Amino acid sequence: MKHFNTLLVGAVALLLVTACDKAVRYHISASYVIKGNPDSALYPLEVKESNEDVLIRLKKAMPVPEVVSLDADGHEVPFYFTMNGDTLLVPAKFDHLQLRYKGSDATDILKKGAAK
């Protein structure tokens, strides 16, 4: 009986840890709105989530843009990213992202439901 109780306590503890892990890691998949000139070199071909990051696929001939995050008051903060080929990999911790490059119109990427 002692082994059964130990096994039962272990199983309950495992279930609690699993539930906590899901509660912490649960992530709602967001969709994004792209605002800008579709003919611009900065206008992305695709924006999608991958785990806790957002993949922004740019046109092949596009040089590396400046990426800033804008808060609700319009304050700009440089946003760090990784470039992999023609894809920007950015953390999904933004509501409004802006891509810039001199000589091109800026392109805004907004999380659906975000203000602006």
PDB file of N, CA and C in Angstrom:
ATOM      1  N   MET A   1       0.816  -1.190   0.000  1.00  0.00           N
ATOM      2  CA  MET A   1       0.000   0.000   0.000  1.00  0.00           C
ATOM      3  C   MET A   1       0.867   1.264   0.000  1.00  0.00           C
ATOM      4  N   LYS A   2       2.014   1.205   0.687  1.00  0.00           N
ATOM      5  CA  LYS A   2       2.901   2.358   0.750  1.00  0.00           C
ATOM      6  C   LYS A   2       3.407   2.710  -0.650  1.00  0.00           C
ATOM      7  N   HIS A   3       3.737   1.702  -1.471  1.00  0.00           N
ATOM      8  CA  HIS A   3       4.219   1.959  -2.830  1.00  0.00           C
ATOM      9  C   HIS A   3       3.119   2.571  -3.695  1.00  0.00           C
ATOM     10  N   PHE A   4       1.888   2.127  -3.487  1.00  0.00           N
ATOM     11  CA  PHE A   4       0.765   2.675  -4.240  1.00  0.00           C
ATOM     12  C   PHE A   4       0.579   4.157  -3.919  1.00  0.00           C
ATOM     13  N   ASN A   5       0.645   4.514  -2.644  1.00  0.00           N
ATOM     14  CA  ASN A   5       0.502   5.920  -2.239  1.00  0.00           C
ATOM     15  C   ASN A   5       1.627   6.770  -2.816  1.00  0.00           C
ATOM     16  N   THR A   6       2.849   6.251  -2.788  1.00  0.00           N
ATOM     17  CA  THR A   6       3.992   6.973  -3.352  1.00  0.00           C
ATOM     18  C   THR A   6       3.799   7.180  -4.850  1.00  0.00           C
ATOM     19  N   LEU A   7       3.348   6.140  -5.533  1.00  0.00           N
ATOM     20  CA  LEU A   7       3.102   6.223  -6.967  1.00  0.00           C
ATOM     21  C   LEU A   7       1.986   7.227  -7.266  1.00  0.00           C
ATOM     22  N   LEU A   8       0.939   7.212  -6.466  1.00  0.00           N
ATOM     23  CA  LEU A   8      -0.174   8.134  -6.648  1.00  0.00           C
ATOM     24  C   LEU A   8       0.270   9.584  -6.436  1.00  0.00           C
ATOM     25  N   VAL A   9       1.048   9.839  -5.400  1.00  0.00           N
ATOM     26  CA  VAL A   9       1.559  11.193  -5.135  1.00  0.00           C
ATOM     27  C   VAL A   9       2.458  11.644  -6.286  1.00  0.00           C
ATOM     28  N   GLY A  10       3.299  10.758  -6.782  1.00  0.00           N
ATOM     29  CA  GLY A  10       4.176  11.088  -7.909  1.00  0.00           C
ATOM     30  C   GLY A  10       3.380  11.420  -9.166  1.00  0.00           C
ATOM     31  N   ALA A  11       2.321  10.655  -9.436  1.00  0.00           N
ATOM     32  CA  ALA A  11       1.486  10.904 -10.614  1.00  0.00           C
ATOM     33  C   ALA A  11       0.774  12.251 -10.509  1.00  0.00           C
ATOM     34  N   VAL A  12       0.255  12.565  -9.345  1.00  0.00           N
ATOM     35  CA  VAL A  12      -0.425  13.849  -9.137  1.00  0.00           C
ATOM     36  C   VAL A  12       0.568  15.004  -9.297  1.00  0.00           C
ATOM     37  N   ALA A  13       1.762  14.853  -8.750  1.00  0.00           N
ATOM     38  CA  ALA A  13       2.788  15.896  -8.881  1.00  0.00           C
ATOM     39  C   ALA A  13       3.148  16.109 -10.348  1.00  0.00           C
ATOM     40  N   LEU A  14       3.275  15.029 -11.102  1.00  0.00           N
ATOM     41  CA  LEU A  14       3.594  15.135 -12.527  1.00  0.00           C
ATOM     42  C   LEU A  14       2.477  15.859 -13.280  1.00  0.00           C
ATOM     43  N   LEU A  15       1.237  15.551 -12.967  1.00  0.00           N
ATOM     44  CA  LEU A  15       0.111  16.232 -13.605  1.00  0.00           C
ATOM     45  C   LEU A  15       0.104  17.724 -13.287  1.00  0.00           C
ATOM     46  N   LEU A  16       0.404  18.081 -12.053  1.00  0.00           N
ATOM     47  CA  LEU A  16       0.444  19.497 -11.672  1.00  0.00           C
ATOM     48  C   LEU A  16       1.556  20.242 -12.398  1.00  0.00           C
ATOM     49  N   VAL A  17       2.724  19.625 -12.493  1.00  0.00           N
ATOM     50  CA  VAL A  17       3.843  20.253 -13.203  1.00  0.00           C
ATOM     51  C   VAL A  17       3.493  20.425 -14.675  1.00  0.00           C
ATOM     52  N   THR A  18       2.881  19.422 -15.276  1.00  0.00           N
ATOM     53  CA  THR A  18       2.485  19.511 -16.681  1.00  0.00           C
ATOM     54  C   THR A  18       1.461  20.622 -16.885  1.00  0.00           C
ATOM     55  N   ALA A  19       0.494  20.726 -15.999  1.00  0.00           N
ATOM     56  CA  ALA A  19      -0.521  21.781 -16.105  1.00  0.00           C
ATOM     57  C   ALA A  19       0.110  23.159 -15.964  1.00  0.00           C
ATOM     58  N   CYS A  20       1.041  23.320 -15.044  1.00  0.00           N
ATOM     59  CA  CYS A  20       1.729  24.604 -14.864  1.00  0.00           C
ATOM     60  C   CYS A  20       2.543  24.953 -16.101  1.00  0.00           C
ATOM     61  N   ASP A  21       3.215  23.969 -16.670  1.00  0.00           N
ATOM     62  CA  ASP A  21       4.017  24.198 -17.863  1.00  0.00           C
ATOM     63  C   ASP A  21       3.140  24.676 -19.013  1.00  0.00           C
ATOM     64  N   LYS A  22       1.981  24.057 -19.193  1.00  0.00           N
ATOM     65  CA  LYS A  22       1.072  24.484 -20.256  1.00  0.00           C
ATOM     66  C   LYS A  22       0.525  25.874 -19.980  1.00  0.00           C
ATOM     67  N   ALA A  23       0.274  26.197 -18.735  1.00  0.00           N
ATOM     68  CA  ALA A  23      -0.246  27.521 -18.393  1.00  0.00           C
ATOM     69  C   ALA A  23       0.784  28.597 -18.696  1.00  0.00           C
ATOM     70  N   VAL A  24       2.037  28.318 -18.439  1.00  0.00           N
ATOM     71  CA  VAL A  24       3.098  29.288 -18.684  1.00  0.00           C
ATOM     72  C   VAL A  24       3.416  29.384 -20.168  1.00  0.00           C
ATOM     73  N   ARG A  25       3.403  28.274 -20.876  1.00  0.00           N
ATOM     74  CA  ARG A  25       3.811  28.242 -22.268  1.00  0.00           C
ATOM     75  C   ARG A  25       2.670  28.481 -23.247  1.00  0.00           C
ATOM     76  N   TYR A  26       1.436  28.523 -22.783  1.00  0.00           N
ATOM     77  CA  TYR A  26       0.307  28.699 -23.685  1.00  0.00           C
ATOM     78  C   TYR A  26       0.476  30.004 -24.438  1.00  0.00           C
ATOM     79  N   HIS A  27       0.353  29.949 -25.734  1.00  0.00           N
ATOM     80  CA  HIS A  27       0.568  31.124 -26.564  1.00  0.00           C
ATOM     81  C   HIS A  27      -0.524  31.183 -27.625  1.00  0.00           C
ATOM     82  N   ILE A  28      -1.249  32.256 -27.647  1.00  0.00           N
ATOM     83  CA  ILE A  28      -2.298  32.413 -28.645  1.00  0.00           C
ATOM     84  C   ILE A  28      -1.651  32.844 -29.950  1.00  0.00           C
ATOM     85  N   SER A  29      -1.971  32.153 -30.992  1.00  0.00           N
ATOM     86  CA  SER A  29      -1.435  32.502 -32.301  1.00  0.00           C
ATOM     87  C   SER A  29      -2.081  33.805 -32.759  1.00  0.00           C
ATOM     88  N   ALA A  30      -1.265  34.762 -33.072  1.00  0.00           N
ATOM     89  CA  ALA A  30      -1.770  36.063 -33.505  1.00  0.00           C
ATOM     90  C   ALA A  30      -1.665  36.170 -35.021  1.00  0.00           C
ATOM     91  N   SER A  31      -2.460  37.047 -35.572  1.00  0.00           N
ATOM     92  CA  SER A  31      -2.314  37.344 -36.988  1.00  0.00           C
ATOM     93  C   SER A  31      -1.925  38.814 -37.101  1.00  0.00           C
ATOM     94  N   TYR A  32      -1.402  39.179 -38.238  1.00  0.00           N
ATOM     95  CA  TYR A  32      -0.810  40.500 -38.397  1.00  0.00           C
ATOM     96  C   TYR A  32      -1.395  41.229 -39.595  1.00  0.00           C
ATOM     97  N   VAL A  33      -1.455  42.547 -39.472  1.00  0.00           N
ATOM     98  CA  VAL A  33      -1.904  43.415 -40.550  1.00  0.00           C
ATOM     99  C   VAL A  33      -0.675  44.158 -41.057  1.00  0.00           C
ATOM    100  N   ILE A  34      -0.509  44.177 -42.362  1.00  0.00           N
ATOM    101  CA  ILE A  34       0.621  44.885 -42.973  1.00  0.00           C
ATOM    102  C   ILE A  34       0.081  46.155 -43.614  1.00  0.00           C
ATOM    103  N   LYS A  35       0.671  47.305 -43.243  1.00  0.00           N
ATOM    104  CA  LYS A  35       0.262  48.586 -43.814  1.00  0.00           C
ATOM    105  C   LYS A  35       1.456  49.194 -44.527  1.00  0.00           C
ATOM    106  N   GLY A  36       1.240  49.577 -45.755  1.00  0.00           N
ATOM    107  CA  GLY A  36       2.302  50.182 -46.538  1.00  0.00           C
ATOM    108  C   GLY A  36       2.034  49.971 -48.014  1.00  0.00           C
ATOM    109  N   ASN A  37       2.975  50.372 -48.821  1.00  0.00           N
ATOM    110  CA  ASN A  37       2.864  50.243 -50.267  1.00  0.00           C
ATOM    111  C   ASN A  37       3.278  48.834 -50.685  1.00  0.00           C
ATOM    112  N   PRO A  38       2.360  48.034 -51.239  1.00  0.00           N
ATOM    113  CA  PRO A  38       2.714  46.666 -51.646  1.00  0.00           C
ATOM    114  C   PRO A  38       3.817  46.607 -52.702  1.00  0.00           C
ATOM    115  N   ASP A  39       4.041  47.718 -53.414  1.00  0.00           N
ATOM    116  CA  ASP A  39       5.108  47.747 -54.420  1.00  0.00           C
ATOM    117  C   ASP A  39       6.462  48.104 -53.821  1.00  0.00           C
ATOM    118  N   SER A  40       6.473  48.513 -52.556  1.00  0.00           N
ATOM    119  CA  SER A  40       7.717  48.885 -51.885  1.00  0.00           C
ATOM    120  C   SER A  40       8.603  47.659 -51.673  1.00  0.00           C
ATOM    121  N   ALA A  41       9.903  47.881 -51.721  1.00  0.00           N
ATOM    122  CA  ALA A  41      10.851  46.786 -51.464  1.00  0.00           C
ATOM    123  C   ALA A  41      10.737  46.280 -50.030  1.00  0.00           C
ATOM    124  N   LEU A  42      10.229  47.120 -49.123  1.00  0.00           N
ATOM    125  CA  LEU A  42      10.093  46.734 -47.715  1.00  0.00           C
ATOM    126  C   LEU A  42       8.841  45.917 -47.422  1.00  0.00           C
ATOM    127  N   TYR A  43       7.883  45.913 -48.329  1.00  0.00           N
ATOM    128  CA  TYR A  43       6.619  45.219 -48.069  1.00  0.00           C
ATOM    129  C   TYR A  43       6.882  43.715 -48.032  1.00  0.00           C
ATOM    130  N   PRO A  44       6.610  43.055 -46.894  1.00  0.00           N
ATOM    131  CA  PRO A  44       6.943  41.632 -46.765  1.00  0.00           C
ATOM    132  C   PRO A  44       6.058  40.736 -47.628  1.00  0.00           C
ATOM    133  N   LEU A  45       6.641  39.633 -48.060  1.00  0.00           N
ATOM    134  CA  LEU A  45       5.887  38.630 -48.805  1.00  0.00           C
ATOM    135  C   LEU A  45       5.014  37.806 -47.869  1.00  0.00           C
ATOM    136  N   GLU A  46       5.488  37.647 -46.620  1.00  0.00           N
ATOM    137  CA  GLU A  46       4.769  36.805 -45.666  1.00  0.00           C
ATOM    138  C   GLU A  46       5.154  37.200 -44.247  1.00  0.00           C
ATOM    139  N   VAL A  47       4.179  37.166 -43.343  1.00  0.00           N
ATOM    140  CA  VAL A  47       4.413  37.379 -41.912  1.00  0.00           C
ATOM    141  C   VAL A  47       3.677  36.264 -41.185  1.00  0.00           C
ATOM    142  N   LYS A  48       4.416  35.461 -40.414  1.00  0.00           N
ATOM    143  CA  LYS A  48       3.772  34.363 -39.686  1.00  0.00           C
ATOM    144  C   LYS A  48       4.520  34.081 -38.401  1.00  0.00           C
ATOM    145  N   GLU A  49       3.811  33.477 -37.454  1.00  0.00           N
ATOM    146  CA  GLU A  49       4.416  33.107 -36.178  1.00  0.00           C
ATOM    147  C   GLU A  49       5.049  31.738 -36.271  1.00  0.00           C
ATOM    148  N   SER A  50       6.133  31.589 -35.545  1.00  0.00           N
ATOM    149  CA  SER A  50       6.805  30.304 -35.403  1.00  0.00           C
ATOM    150  C   SER A  50       7.279  30.228 -33.961  1.00  0.00           C
ATOM    151  N   ASN A  51       6.580  29.450 -33.148  1.00  0.00           N
ATOM    152  CA  ASN A  51       6.857  29.357 -31.713  1.00  0.00           C
ATOM    153  C   ASN A  51       6.695  30.726 -31.075  1.00  0.00           C
ATOM    154  N   GLU A  52       7.752  31.278 -30.488  1.00  0.00           N
ATOM    155  CA  GLU A  52       7.664  32.582 -29.824  1.00  0.00           C
ATOM    156  C   GLU A  52       8.250  33.697 -30.675  1.00  0.00           C
ATOM    157  N   ASP A  53       8.436  33.430 -31.955  1.00  0.00           N
ATOM    158  CA  ASP A  53       9.014  34.407 -32.871  1.00  0.00           C
ATOM    159  C   ASP A  53       8.055  34.684 -34.021  1.00  0.00           C
ATOM    160  N   VAL A  54       8.334  35.765 -34.736  1.00  0.00           N
ATOM    161  CA  VAL A  54       7.594  36.098 -35.946  1.00  0.00           C
ATOM    162  C   VAL A  54       8.592  36.075 -37.094  1.00  0.00           C
ATOM    163  N   LEU A  55       8.223  35.379 -38.156  1.00  0.00           N
ATOM    164  CA  LEU A  55       9.049  35.313 -39.358  1.00  0.00           C
ATOM    165  C   LEU A  55       8.494  36.308 -40.363  1.00  0.00           C
ATOM    166  N   ILE A  56       9.350  37.219 -40.825  1.00  0.00           N
ATOM    167  CA  ILE A  56       8.951  38.224 -41.806  1.00  0.00           C
ATOM    168  C   ILE A  56       9.792  37.982 -43.053  1.00  0.00           C
ATOM    169  N   ARG A  57       9.155  37.431 -44.083  1.00  0.00           N
ATOM    170  CA  ARG A  57       9.890  37.105 -45.310  1.00  0.00           C
ATOM    171  C   ARG A  57       9.852  38.313 -46.240  1.00  0.00           C
ATOM    172  N   LEU A  58      11.036  38.807 -46.583  1.00  0.00           N
ATOM    173  CA  LEU A  58      11.168  39.989 -47.430  1.00  0.00           C
ATOM    174  C   LEU A  58      11.424  39.586 -48.876  1.00  0.00           C
ATOM    175  N   LYS A  59      11.309  40.563 -49.753  1.00  0.00           N
ATOM    176  CA  LYS A  59      11.625  40.326 -51.167  1.00  0.00           C
ATOM    177  C   LYS A  59      13.117  40.064 -51.292  1.00  0.00           C
ATOM    178  N   LYS A  60      13.501  39.264 -52.256  1.00  0.00           N
ATOM    179  CA  LYS A  60      14.891  38.800 -52.390  1.00  0.00           C
ATOM    180  C   LYS A  60      15.910  39.934 -52.494  1.00  0.00           C
ATOM    181  N   ALA A  61      15.622  40.980 -53.222  1.00  0.00           N
ATOM    182  CA  ALA A  61      16.603  42.042 -53.459  1.00  0.00           C
ATOM    183  C   ALA A  61      16.658  43.078 -52.339  1.00  0.00           C
ATOM    184  N   MET A  62      15.902  42.885 -51.283  1.00  0.00           N
ATOM    185  CA  MET A  62      15.815  43.882 -50.210  1.00  0.00           C
ATOM    186  C   MET A  62      17.036  43.853 -49.306  1.00  0.00           C
ATOM    187  N   PRO A  63      17.710  45.016 -49.117  1.00  0.00           N
ATOM    188  CA  PRO A  63      18.790  45.081 -48.126  1.00  0.00           C
ATOM    189  C   PRO A  63      18.206  45.007 -46.716  1.00  0.00           C
ATOM    190  N   VAL A  64      19.052  44.814 -45.734  1.00  0.00           N
ATOM    191  CA  VAL A  64      18.601  44.681 -44.341  1.00  0.00           C
ATOM    192  C   VAL A  64      17.999  46.011 -43.877  1.00  0.00           C
ATOM    193  N   PRO A  65      16.730  45.999 -43.453  1.00  0.00           N
ATOM    194  CA  PRO A  65      16.080  47.241 -43.030  1.00  0.00           C
ATOM    195  C   PRO A  65      16.372  47.581 -41.576  1.00  0.00           C
ATOM    196  N   GLU A  66      16.030  48.810 -41.210  1.00  0.00           N
ATOM    197  CA  GLU A  66      16.010  49.208 -39.804  1.00  0.00           C
ATOM    198  C   GLU A  66      14.656  48.748 -39.262  1.00  0.00           C
ATOM    199  N   VAL A  67      14.649  48.161 -38.067  1.00  0.00           N
ATOM    200  CA  VAL A  67      13.409  47.664 -37.469  1.00  0.00           C
ATOM    201  C   VAL A  67      13.210  48.369 -36.135  1.00  0.00           C
ATOM    202  N   VAL A  68      12.056  49.034 -35.978  1.00  0.00           N
ATOM    203  CA  VAL A  68      11.735  49.699 -34.717  1.00  0.00           C
ATOM    204  C   VAL A  68      10.358  49.253 -34.247  1.00  0.00           C
ATOM    205  N   SER A  69      10.188  49.255 -32.937  1.00  0.00           N
ATOM    206  CA  SER A  69       8.892  48.979 -32.332  1.00  0.00           C
ATOM    207  C   SER A  69       8.310  50.312 -31.896  1.00  0.00           C
ATOM    208  N   LEU A  70       7.027  50.505 -32.137  1.00  0.00           N
ATOM    209  CA  LEU A  70       6.353  51.736 -31.743  1.00  0.00           C
ATOM    210  C   LEU A  70       5.337  51.413 -30.660  1.00  0.00           C
ATOM    211  N   ASP A  71       5.365  52.184 -29.560  1.00  0.00           N
ATOM    212  CA  ASP A  71       4.364  51.962 -28.518  1.00  0.00           C
ATOM    213  C   ASP A  71       3.113  52.781 -28.831  1.00  0.00           C
ATOM    214  N   ALA A  72       2.123  52.720 -27.965  1.00  0.00           N
ATOM    215  CA  ALA A  72       0.840  53.396 -28.201  1.00  0.00           C
ATOM    216  C   ALA A  72       0.991  54.909 -28.326  1.00  0.00           C
ATOM    217  N   ASP A  73       2.033  55.481 -27.692  1.00  0.00           N
ATOM    218  CA  ASP A  73       2.263  56.926 -27.759  1.00  0.00           C
ATOM    219  C   ASP A  73       3.157  57.322 -28.928  1.00  0.00           C
ATOM    220  N   GLY A  74       3.596  56.357 -29.727  1.00  0.00           N
ATOM    221  CA  GLY A  74       4.436  56.643 -30.883  1.00  0.00           C
ATOM    222  C   GLY A  74       5.923  56.680 -30.587  1.00  0.00           C
ATOM    223  N   HIS A  75       6.325  56.330 -29.360  1.00  0.00           N
ATOM    224  CA  HIS A  75       7.751  56.298 -29.030  1.00  0.00           C
ATOM    225  C   HIS A  75       8.413  55.122 -29.741  1.00  0.00           C
ATOM    226  N   GLU A  76       9.588  55.380 -30.296  1.00  0.00           N
ATOM    227  CA  GLU A  76      10.305  54.357 -31.050  1.00  0.00           C
ATOM    228  C   GLU A  76      11.363  53.687 -30.184  1.00  0.00           C
ATOM    229  N   VAL A  77      11.469  52.381 -30.345  1.00  0.00           N
ATOM    230  CA  VAL A  77      12.501  51.602 -29.673  1.00  0.00           C
ATOM    231  C   VAL A  77      13.123  50.692 -30.721  1.00  0.00           C
ATOM    232  N   PRO A  78      14.464  50.730 -30.879  1.00  0.00           N
ATOM    233  CA  PRO A  78      15.083  49.796 -31.829  1.00  0.00           C
ATOM    234  C   PRO A  78      14.714  48.363 -31.455  1.00  0.00           C
ATOM    235  N   PHE A  79      14.414  47.560 -32.439  1.00  0.00           N
ATOM    236  CA  PHE A  79      13.975  46.187 -32.204  1.00  0.00           C
ATOM    237  C   PHE A  79      15.018  45.260 -32.799  1.00  0.00           C
ATOM    238  N   TYR A  80      15.534  44.380 -31.967  1.00  0.00           N
ATOM    239  CA  TYR A  80      16.606  43.493 -32.404  1.00  0.00           C
ATOM    240  C   TYR A  80      16.034  42.264 -33.088  1.00  0.00           C
ATOM    241  N   PHE A  81      16.728  41.809 -34.103  1.00  0.00           N
ATOM    242  CA  PHE A  81      16.249  40.700 -34.912  1.00  0.00           C
ATOM    243  C   PHE A  81      17.430  39.905 -35.447  1.00  0.00           C
ATOM    244  N   THR A  82      17.114  38.760 -36.000  1.00  0.00           N
ATOM    245  CA  THR A  82      18.106  37.921 -36.672  1.00  0.00           C
ATOM    246  C   THR A  82      17.693  37.827 -38.128  1.00  0.00           C
ATOM    247  N   MET A  83      18.657  37.860 -39.013  1.00  0.00           N
ATOM    248  CA  MET A  83      18.383  37.747 -40.447  1.00  0.00           C
ATOM    249  C   MET A  83      18.841  36.372 -40.901  1.00  0.00           C
ATOM    250  N   ASN A  84      17.958  35.639 -41.561  1.00  0.00           N
ATOM    251  CA  ASN A  84      18.296  34.324 -42.096  1.00  0.00           C
ATOM    252  C   ASN A  84      17.888  34.316 -43.563  1.00  0.00           C
ATOM    253  N   GLY A  85      18.846  34.565 -44.441  1.00  0.00           N
ATOM    254  CA  GLY A  85      18.528  34.673 -45.869  1.00  0.00           C
ATOM    255  C   GLY A  85      17.682  35.904 -46.108  1.00  0.00           C
ATOM    256  N   ASP A  86      16.481  35.707 -46.639  1.00  0.00           N
ATOM    257  CA  ASP A  86      15.574  36.829 -46.893  1.00  0.00           C
ATOM    258  C   ASP A  86      14.477  36.933 -45.829  1.00  0.00           C
ATOM    259  N   THR A  87      14.713  36.313 -44.661  1.00  0.00           N
ATOM    260  CA  THR A  87      13.707  36.298 -43.598  1.00  0.00           C
ATOM    261  C   THR A  87      14.231  36.953 -42.325  1.00  0.00           C
ATOM    262  N   LEU A  88      13.445  37.896 -41.794  1.00  0.00           N
ATOM    263  CA  LEU A  88      13.732  38.484 -40.484  1.00  0.00           C
ATOM    264  C   LEU A  88      13.078  37.606 -39.432  1.00  0.00           C
ATOM    265  N   LEU A  89      13.796  37.314 -38.385  1.00  0.00           N
ATOM    266  CA  LEU A  89      13.273  36.545 -37.258  1.00  0.00           C
ATOM    267  C   LEU A  89      13.254  37.488 -36.063  1.00  0.00           C
ATOM    268  N   VAL A  90      12.046  37.879 -35.614  1.00  0.00           N
ATOM    269  CA  VAL A  90      11.912  38.825 -34.508  1.00  0.00           C
ATOM    270  C   VAL A  90      11.091  38.196 -33.387  1.00  0.00           C
ATOM    271  N   PRO A  91      11.375  38.556 -32.133  1.00  0.00           N
ATOM    272  CA  PRO A  91      10.543  38.063 -31.030  1.00  0.00           C
ATOM    273  C   PRO A  91       9.105  38.563 -31.202  1.00  0.00           C
ATOM    274  N   ALA A  92       8.139  37.743 -30.852  1.00  0.00           N
ATOM    275  CA  ALA A  92       6.720  38.095 -31.030  1.00  0.00           C
ATOM    276  C   ALA A  92       6.215  38.988 -29.905  1.00  0.00           C
ATOM    277  N   LYS A  93       7.054  39.819 -29.356  1.00  0.00           N
ATOM    278  CA  LYS A  93       6.694  40.667 -28.219  1.00  0.00           C
ATOM    279  C   LYS A  93       6.464  42.107 -28.680  1.00  0.00           C
ATOM    280  N   PHE A  94       5.692  42.274 -29.718  1.00  0.00           N
ATOM    281  CA  PHE A  94       5.411  43.621 -30.214  1.00  0.00           C
ATOM    282  C   PHE A  94       3.948  43.709 -30.640  1.00  0.00           C
ATOM    283  N   ASP A  95       3.432  44.935 -30.618  1.00  0.00           N
ATOM    284  CA  ASP A  95       2.105  45.202 -31.165  1.00  0.00           C
ATOM    285  C   ASP A  95       2.226  45.947 -32.487  1.00  0.00           C
ATOM    286  N   HIS A  96       3.283  46.767 -32.608  1.00  0.00           N
ATOM    287  CA  HIS A  96       3.472  47.579 -33.815  1.00  0.00           C
ATOM    288  C   HIS A  96       4.960  47.617 -34.147  1.00  0.00           C
ATOM    289  N   LEU A  97       5.292  47.092 -35.288  1.00  0.00           N
ATOM    290  CA  LEU A  97       6.674  47.060 -35.761  1.00  0.00           C
ATOM    291  C   LEU A  97       6.739  47.861 -37.052  1.00  0.00           C
ATOM    292  N   GLN A  98       7.832  48.593 -37.243  1.00  0.00           N
ATOM    293  CA  GLN A  98       7.984  49.354 -38.475  1.00  0.00           C
ATOM    294  C   GLN A  98       9.320  49.005 -39.123  1.00  0.00           C
ATOM    295  N   LEU A  99       9.263  48.719 -40.426  1.00  0.00           N
ATOM    296  CA  LEU A  99      10.462  48.438 -41.214  1.00  0.00           C
ATOM    297  C   LEU A  99      10.788  49.690 -42.014  1.00  0.00           C
ATOM    298  N   ARG A 100      12.069  50.100 -42.000  1.00  0.00           N
ATOM    299  CA  ARG A 100      12.495  51.307 -42.709  1.00  0.00           C
ATOM    300  C   ARG A 100      13.786  51.036 -43.473  1.00  0.00           C
ATOM    301  N   TYR A 101      13.927  51.745 -44.562  1.00  0.00           N
ATOM    302  CA  TYR A 101      15.185  51.757 -45.300  1.00  0.00           C
ATOM    303  C   TYR A 101      15.180  53.035 -46.122  1.00  0.00           C
ATOM    304  N   LYS A 102      16.312  53.749 -46.135  1.00  0.00           N
ATOM    305  CA  LYS A 102      16.323  55.033 -46.843  1.00  0.00           C
ATOM    306  C   LYS A 102      15.974  54.821 -48.318  1.00  0.00           C
ATOM    307  N   GLY A 103      15.149  55.715 -48.813  1.00  0.00           N
ATOM    308  CA  GLY A 103      14.718  55.633 -50.203  1.00  0.00           C
ATOM    309  C   GLY A 103      13.482  54.770 -50.410  1.00  0.00           C
ATOM    310  N   SER A 104      12.966  54.166 -49.345  1.00  0.00           N
ATOM    311  CA  SER A 104      11.752  53.342 -49.444  1.00  0.00           C
ATOM    312  C   SER A 104      10.713  53.845 -48.452  1.00  0.00           C
ATOM    313  N   ASP A 105       9.453  53.637 -48.794  1.00  0.00           N
ATOM    314  CA  ASP A 105       8.376  53.957 -47.853  1.00  0.00           C
ATOM    315  C   ASP A 105       8.443  52.989 -46.682  1.00  0.00           C
ATOM    316  N   ALA A 106       8.156  53.483 -45.477  1.00  0.00           N
ATOM    317  CA  ALA A 106       8.130  52.613 -44.294  1.00  0.00           C
ATOM    318  C   ALA A 106       6.949  51.652 -44.403  1.00  0.00           C
ATOM    319  N   THR A 107       7.116  50.482 -43.827  1.00  0.00           N
ATOM    320  CA  THR A 107       6.054  49.477 -43.785  1.00  0.00           C
ATOM    321  C   THR A 107       5.774  49.141 -42.329  1.00  0.00           C
ATOM    322  N   ASP A 108       4.498  49.143 -41.952  1.00  0.00           N
ATOM    323  CA  ASP A 108       4.085  48.840 -40.586  1.00  0.00           C
ATOM    324  C   ASP A 108       3.503  47.436 -40.516  1.00  0.00           C
ATOM    325  N   ILE A 109       3.865  46.718 -39.452  1.00  0.00           N
ATOM    326  CA  ILE A 109       3.306  45.396 -39.179  1.00  0.00           C
ATOM    327  C   ILE A 109       2.654  45.488 -37.807  1.00  0.00           C
ATOM    328  N   LEU A 110       1.334  45.302 -37.782  1.00  0.00           N
ATOM    329  CA  LEU A 110       0.574  45.427 -36.538  1.00  0.00           C
ATOM    330  C   LEU A 110      -0.071  44.100 -36.182  1.00  0.00           C
ATOM    331  N   LYS A 111       0.008  43.770 -34.899  1.00  0.00           N
ATOM    332  CA  LYS A 111      -0.694  42.589 -34.412  1.00  0.00           C
ATOM    333  C   LYS A 111      -2.181  42.917 -34.436  1.00  0.00           C
ATOM    334  N   LYS A 112      -2.997  42.024 -34.986  1.00  0.00           N
ATOM    335  CA  LYS A 112      -4.443  42.282 -35.044  1.00  0.00           C
ATOM    336  C   LYS A 112      -4.973  42.505 -33.647  1.00  0.00           C
ATOM    337  N   GLY A 113      -5.783  43.542 -33.504  1.00  0.00           N
ATOM    338  CA  GLY A 113      -6.339  43.876 -32.202  1.00  0.00           C
ATOM    339  C   GLY A 113      -5.519  44.930 -31.475  1.00  0.00           C
ATOM    340  N   ALA A 114      -4.302  45.218 -31.949  1.00  0.00           N
ATOM    341  CA  ALA A 114      -3.470  46.254 -31.323  1.00  0.00           C
ATOM    342  C   ALA A 114      -3.986  47.624 -31.750  1.00  0.00           C
ATOM    343  N   ALA A 115      -3.828  48.600 -30.884  1.00  0.00           N
ATOM    344  CA  ALA A 115      -4.272  49.960 -31.191  1.00  0.00           C
ATOM    345  C   ALA A 115      -3.435  50.551 -32.306  1.00  0.00           C
ATOM    346  N   LYS A 116      -3.990  51.453 -33.075  1.00  0.00           N
ATOM    347  CA  LYS A 116      -3.370  52.237 -34.153  1.00  0.00           C
ATOM    348  C   LYS A 116      -4.117  52.037 -35.409  1.00  0.00           C
TER     349      LYS A 116
END
